[in-house]
Amino acid sequence: MTTATPERMPALYLSHGAPPLADDPVWPGELAAWAAGLPRPKAVLMVSAHWEEAPLAIGATTTVPLVYDFWGFPEHYYQVTYAAPGAPELARSVRKLLGGAGHAVQDVPDRGLDHGAYVPLVEMYPDADIPVLQVSMPTLEPEELFRIGRRLAPLRDEGVLIVGSGFFTHNLAALRHAGGVPSWSAEFDDWGHRALDAQDVDALLDFEHTSPAGRLAHPRTEHFAPLFVTLGAAEADLGSQRSIIDGFWMGLAKRSIQLG
């Protein structure tokens, strides 16, 4: 008996939104259509803006709980469930790929999926029947995250969908003083779109200095940082990069891309 080789998966960077994304009239359908057009993954590896821990931490691999890491929302957002299977085989592969390259790795077996992971997954894979593993970002340093993504790239040939989950622009404090789409959000989104299309990885890695309004679009860089893991994991496929979702949500750019 022969076993079919898993189809090589793309790598994604998506803007994940807040829990009320589920009530948006457009965005959930965009995420669902995106997932429907992808090969079915064997497992999903999530890197979210909302888990920073060093050394790199591997989350729950058996029962995968949810982390309701937000405050002040209506109660029904805290009742959302997403009982995805764990991915212990994927966790072993991550340890092997990173540990063998000298990256320190730790296990945090009770750490579940935060909203940066489960909010988009609920829309993309609502049956919760694909194993999911979340790992932390051990640093916000772009080059190091790019190297981590590069080490994880072989997982794509094992049918693993690597997803960096952030927000293409993210400055909630500045939004309080803006109406509509603020100029810093639009300018950064336009710059990022053009840099991605030009495959200008160096500019993207140094975005705080090369982009317009970079420090306003990302006063803290954790929501842009998952992009670097995605770019590293799909370094060989930079020429295939395309934006699947664009536009703005509450003034923030929701640009989300696929490579491969």
Protein backbone atom coordinates (compact mmCIF):
# COMPACT_ATOMS: atom_id res chain seq x y z
CA MET A 1 0.00 0.00 0.00
CA THR A 2 1.30 3.46 -0.88
CA THR A 3 0.63 6.59 1.12
CA ALA A 4 -0.14 9.77 -0.76
CA THR A 5 2.34 12.58 -0.20
CA PRO A 6 0.62 15.60 1.41
CA GLU A 7 0.18 18.55 -0.89
CA ARG A 8 2.59 21.37 -0.17
CA MET A 9 0.70 23.99 1.75
CA PRO A 10 0.92 27.74 1.32
CA ALA A 11 1.87 30.00 4.19
CA LEU A 12 -0.47 32.77 5.34
CA TYR A 13 -0.36 36.03 7.19
CA LEU A 14 -3.80 37.21 8.22
CA SER A 15 -5.25 40.09 10.13
CA HIS A 16 -7.31 38.41 12.81
CA GLY A 17 -9.63 41.09 14.12
CA ALA A 18 -11.21 41.20 17.56
CA PRO A 19 -13.98 38.86 18.77
CA PRO A 20 -16.70 41.03 17.11
CA LEU A 21 -15.25 40.03 13.72
CA ALA A 22 -17.85 37.26 13.81
CA ASP A 23 -20.59 39.89 13.51
CA ASP A 24 -19.06 41.73 10.56
CA PRO A 25 -21.20 41.41 7.41
CA VAL A 26 -18.21 40.81 5.10
CA TRP A 27 -15.05 39.61 6.82
CA PRO A 28 -16.19 36.14 8.02
CA GLY A 29 -17.24 35.27 4.48
CA GLU A 30 -13.87 36.40 3.14
CA LEU A 31 -12.05 34.13 5.57
CA ALA A 32 -14.36 31.20 4.83
CA ALA A 33 -13.91 31.59 1.07
CA TRP A 34 -10.14 31.78 1.51
CA ALA A 35 -10.04 28.52 3.46
CA ALA A 36 -12.35 26.82 0.95
CA GLY A 37 -9.88 27.61 -1.82
CA LEU A 38 -6.89 26.13 0.01
CA PRO A 39 -5.80 22.50 0.02
CA ARG A 40 -7.08 20.84 3.16
CA PRO A 41 -4.29 21.00 5.74
CA LYS A 42 -3.14 18.03 7.77
CA ALA A 43 -2.62 20.46 10.66
CA VAL A 44 -2.43 24.19 11.33
CA LEU A 45 0.53 25.87 13.02
CA MET A 46 -0.49 29.25 14.46
CA VAL A 47 1.82 32.10 15.44
CA SER A 48 -0.27 34.85 17.02
CA ALA A 49 0.49 38.42 18.01
CA HIS A 50 -0.95 37.61 21.41
CA TRP A 51 1.59 35.08 22.64
CA GLU A 52 5.08 36.32 23.33
CA GLU A 53 7.18 33.99 25.43
CA ALA A 54 10.84 33.08 25.43
CA PRO A 55 12.23 30.63 24.77
CA LEU A 56 9.82 29.64 22.02
CA ALA A 57 6.92 27.83 23.67
CA ILE A 58 4.80 25.01 22.31
CA GLY A 59 1.21 25.13 23.49
CA ALA A 60 -1.36 22.45 24.27
CA THR A 61 -1.13 19.26 22.23
CA THR A 62 -3.93 17.13 23.69
CA THR A 63 -7.03 19.00 24.83
CA VAL A 64 -6.69 22.49 23.38
CA PRO A 65 -8.48 25.13 25.48
CA LEU A 66 -9.23 28.70 24.47
CA VAL A 67 -7.70 31.77 26.06
CA TYR A 68 -10.22 34.61 26.29
CA ASP A 69 -7.52 37.27 26.32
CA PHE A 70 -9.74 40.33 26.02
CA TRP A 71 -11.76 42.49 28.36
CA GLY A 72 -14.96 44.48 28.36
CA PHE A 73 -16.82 42.63 25.61
CA PRO A 74 -20.39 41.28 25.85
CA GLU A 75 -20.66 37.93 27.60
CA HIS A 76 -21.46 35.89 24.49
CA TYR A 77 -17.95 36.43 23.15
CA TYR A 78 -16.66 34.51 26.18
CA GLN A 79 -18.93 31.57 25.38
CA VAL A 80 -17.35 30.82 21.98
CA THR A 81 -15.89 27.31 21.76
CA TYR A 82 -13.49 25.73 19.31
CA ALA A 83 -12.67 22.16 20.25
CA ALA A 84 -9.93 21.49 17.68
CA PRO A 85 -7.83 18.35 18.08
CA GLY A 86 -4.30 18.75 19.38
CA ALA A 87 -1.30 18.16 17.14
CA PRO A 88 1.33 16.20 19.11
CA GLU A 89 3.08 14.99 15.95
CA LEU A 90 3.41 18.55 14.73
CA ALA A 91 4.79 19.57 18.13
CA ARG A 92 7.48 16.89 17.82
CA SER A 93 8.38 18.15 14.35
CA VAL A 94 8.65 21.73 15.62
CA ARG A 95 10.95 20.63 18.43
CA LYS A 96 13.13 18.71 15.98
CA LEU A 97 13.36 21.52 13.41
CA LEU A 98 14.05 24.28 15.90
CA GLY A 99 15.96 22.38 18.53
CA GLY A 100 18.23 20.87 15.91
CA ALA A 101 19.07 24.38 14.74
CA GLY A 102 20.01 25.54 18.22
CA HIS A 103 16.75 27.30 19.10
CA ALA A 104 15.65 26.78 22.68
CA VAL A 105 12.16 25.29 22.90
CA GLN A 106 9.90 24.78 25.91
CA ASP A 107 6.53 23.11 26.45
CA VAL A 108 3.59 24.99 27.99
CA PRO A 109 1.02 22.17 27.87
CA ASP A 110 -1.89 24.12 29.38
CA ARG A 111 -1.61 27.10 27.02
CA GLY A 112 -4.53 27.14 24.59
CA LEU A 113 -5.50 29.18 21.55
CA ASP A 114 -5.80 32.93 22.09
CA HIS A 115 -8.18 35.08 20.11
CA GLY A 116 -5.54 35.74 17.46
CA ALA A 117 -5.70 32.02 16.71
CA TYR A 118 -9.27 30.91 17.27
CA VAL A 119 -11.18 33.98 15.99
CA PRO A 120 -10.05 33.43 12.37
CA LEU A 121 -10.08 29.63 12.68
CA VAL A 122 -13.75 29.65 13.70
CA GLU A 123 -14.54 31.31 10.38
CA MET A 124 -12.08 29.35 8.24
CA TYR A 125 -12.54 25.84 9.65
CA PRO A 126 -15.79 25.99 11.64
CA ASP A 127 -16.01 22.21 12.09
CA ALA A 128 -12.89 22.34 14.29
CA ASP A 129 -11.76 19.04 12.79
CA ILE A 130 -8.18 20.00 11.84
CA PRO A 131 -5.44 19.60 14.47
CA VAL A 132 -4.09 22.96 15.64
CA LEU A 133 -0.88 23.86 17.43
CA GLN A 134 0.02 27.35 18.62
CA VAL A 135 3.58 28.40 19.33
CA SER A 136 4.84 31.61 20.88
CA MET A 137 6.95 34.37 19.43
CA PRO A 138 10.16 34.30 21.49
CA THR A 139 11.15 37.76 20.26
CA LEU A 140 9.82 40.64 18.19
CA GLU A 141 13.13 41.00 16.35
CA PRO A 142 12.24 40.68 12.64
CA GLU A 143 15.35 38.87 11.42
CA GLU A 144 15.13 36.25 14.16
CA LEU A 145 11.45 35.59 13.44
CA PHE A 146 12.31 35.29 9.75
CA ARG A 147 14.96 32.68 10.62
CA ILE A 148 12.45 30.76 12.73
CA GLY A 149 10.03 30.73 9.81
CA ARG A 150 12.79 29.49 7.53
CA ARG A 151 13.46 26.58 9.91
CA LEU A 152 9.75 25.71 9.98
CA ALA A 153 9.40 25.76 6.18
CA PRO A 154 9.73 21.94 5.73
CA LEU A 155 6.44 21.51 7.59
CA ARG A 156 4.65 22.85 4.54
CA ASP A 157 5.68 19.72 2.64
CA GLU A 158 4.06 17.65 5.38
CA GLY A 159 0.67 19.28 4.80
CA VAL A 160 0.96 21.86 7.58
CA LEU A 161 -0.63 25.27 7.05
CA ILE A 162 1.63 27.86 8.71
CA VAL A 163 -0.35 30.96 9.74
CA GLY A 164 1.03 34.19 11.12
CA SER A 165 -1.86 36.02 12.75
CA GLY A 166 -1.59 39.73 13.48
CA PHE A 167 -3.06 42.96 12.11
CA PHE A 168 -1.53 44.85 9.20
CA THR A 169 -1.92 48.12 11.12
CA HIS A 170 -2.58 48.28 14.84
CA ASN A 171 -2.74 51.41 16.97
CA LEU A 172 -5.90 51.34 19.06
CA ALA A 173 -4.98 54.42 21.08
CA ALA A 174 -4.63 56.60 17.97
CA LEU A 175 -7.96 55.36 16.64
CA ARG A 176 -9.73 57.10 19.52
CA HIS A 177 -8.81 60.40 17.93
CA ALA A 178 -9.57 59.49 14.32
CA GLY A 179 -12.68 59.19 12.22
CA GLY A 180 -12.86 56.77 9.33
CA VAL A 181 -9.53 55.43 8.07
CA PRO A 182 -6.67 57.49 9.52
CA SER A 183 -3.93 58.58 7.13
CA TRP A 184 -1.23 56.61 8.96
CA SER A 185 -3.17 53.38 8.50
CA ALA A 186 -3.85 53.98 4.81
CA GLU A 187 -0.27 55.07 4.10
CA PHE A 188 1.28 52.10 5.86
CA ASP A 189 -1.09 49.67 4.16
CA ASP A 190 -0.24 51.09 0.74
CA TRP A 191 3.49 50.92 1.48
CA GLY A 192 3.24 47.35 2.78
CA HIS A 193 1.24 46.24 -0.23
CA ARG A 194 3.84 47.66 -2.60
CA ALA A 195 6.77 46.23 -0.62
CA LEU A 196 5.18 42.77 -0.66
CA ASP A 197 4.50 42.96 -4.39
CA ALA A 198 8.13 44.00 -4.95
CA GLN A 199 9.35 41.10 -2.76
CA ASP A 200 11.35 43.68 -0.80
CA VAL A 201 11.97 41.58 2.28
CA ASP A 202 14.74 43.86 3.51
CA ALA A 203 12.38 46.84 3.58
CA LEU A 204 9.70 44.82 5.34
CA LEU A 205 12.13 43.56 7.98
CA ASP A 206 13.26 47.14 8.61
CA PHE A 207 9.73 48.54 8.39
CA GLU A 208 10.13 50.84 11.39
CA HIS A 209 12.62 52.87 9.35
CA THR A 210 11.59 52.25 5.74
CA SER A 211 7.83 52.72 5.94
CA PRO A 212 5.75 55.89 6.22
CA ALA A 213 4.07 56.24 9.60
CA GLY A 214 5.56 52.93 10.75
CA ARG A 215 5.71 53.93 14.38
CA LEU A 216 2.13 55.17 14.27
CA ALA A 217 0.84 52.10 12.46
CA HIS A 218 2.67 49.86 14.95
CA PRO A 219 3.69 51.70 18.14
CA ARG A 220 4.41 48.23 19.44
CA THR A 221 5.29 45.75 16.72
CA GLU A 222 3.71 42.49 17.89
CA HIS A 223 0.88 42.59 15.34
CA PHE A 224 3.21 42.96 12.37
CA ALA A 225 5.78 40.49 13.71
CA PRO A 226 3.98 37.25 12.72
CA LEU A 227 4.41 38.32 9.09
CA PHE A 228 8.14 37.63 9.39
CA VAL A 229 7.57 34.01 10.38
CA THR A 230 5.31 33.63 7.35
CA LEU A 231 7.87 35.25 5.03
CA GLY A 232 10.62 32.99 6.32
CA ALA A 233 8.48 29.89 5.95
CA ALA A 234 7.64 30.84 2.35
CA GLU A 235 10.94 32.41 1.32
CA ALA A 236 11.04 30.23 -1.79
CA ASP A 237 7.57 31.40 -2.80
CA LEU A 238 7.87 35.16 -2.44
CA GLY A 239 7.04 35.60 -6.11
CA SER A 240 3.62 34.03 -5.57
CA GLN A 241 2.60 36.50 -2.84
CA ARG A 242 -0.87 37.95 -3.21
CA SER A 243 -3.31 39.78 -1.00
CA ILE A 244 -6.44 37.72 -0.46
CA ILE A 245 -8.19 40.20 1.83
CA ASP A 246 -7.72 43.95 1.95
CA GLY A 247 -9.61 47.01 3.04
CA PHE A 248 -10.11 48.35 6.56
CA TRP A 249 -11.99 47.42 9.70
CA MET A 250 -12.58 50.12 12.31
CA GLY A 251 -9.76 52.09 10.66
CA LEU A 252 -7.22 49.27 10.75
CA ALA A 253 -5.85 47.60 7.61
CA LYS A 254 -7.01 44.00 7.42
CA ARG A 255 -4.63 43.05 4.60
CA SER A 256 -4.06 39.30 4.61
CA ILE A 257 -1.72 37.47 2.26
CA GLN A 258 -0.94 34.05 0.86
CA LEU A 259 2.39 32.74 -0.37
CA GLY A 260 2.58 29.51 -2.31
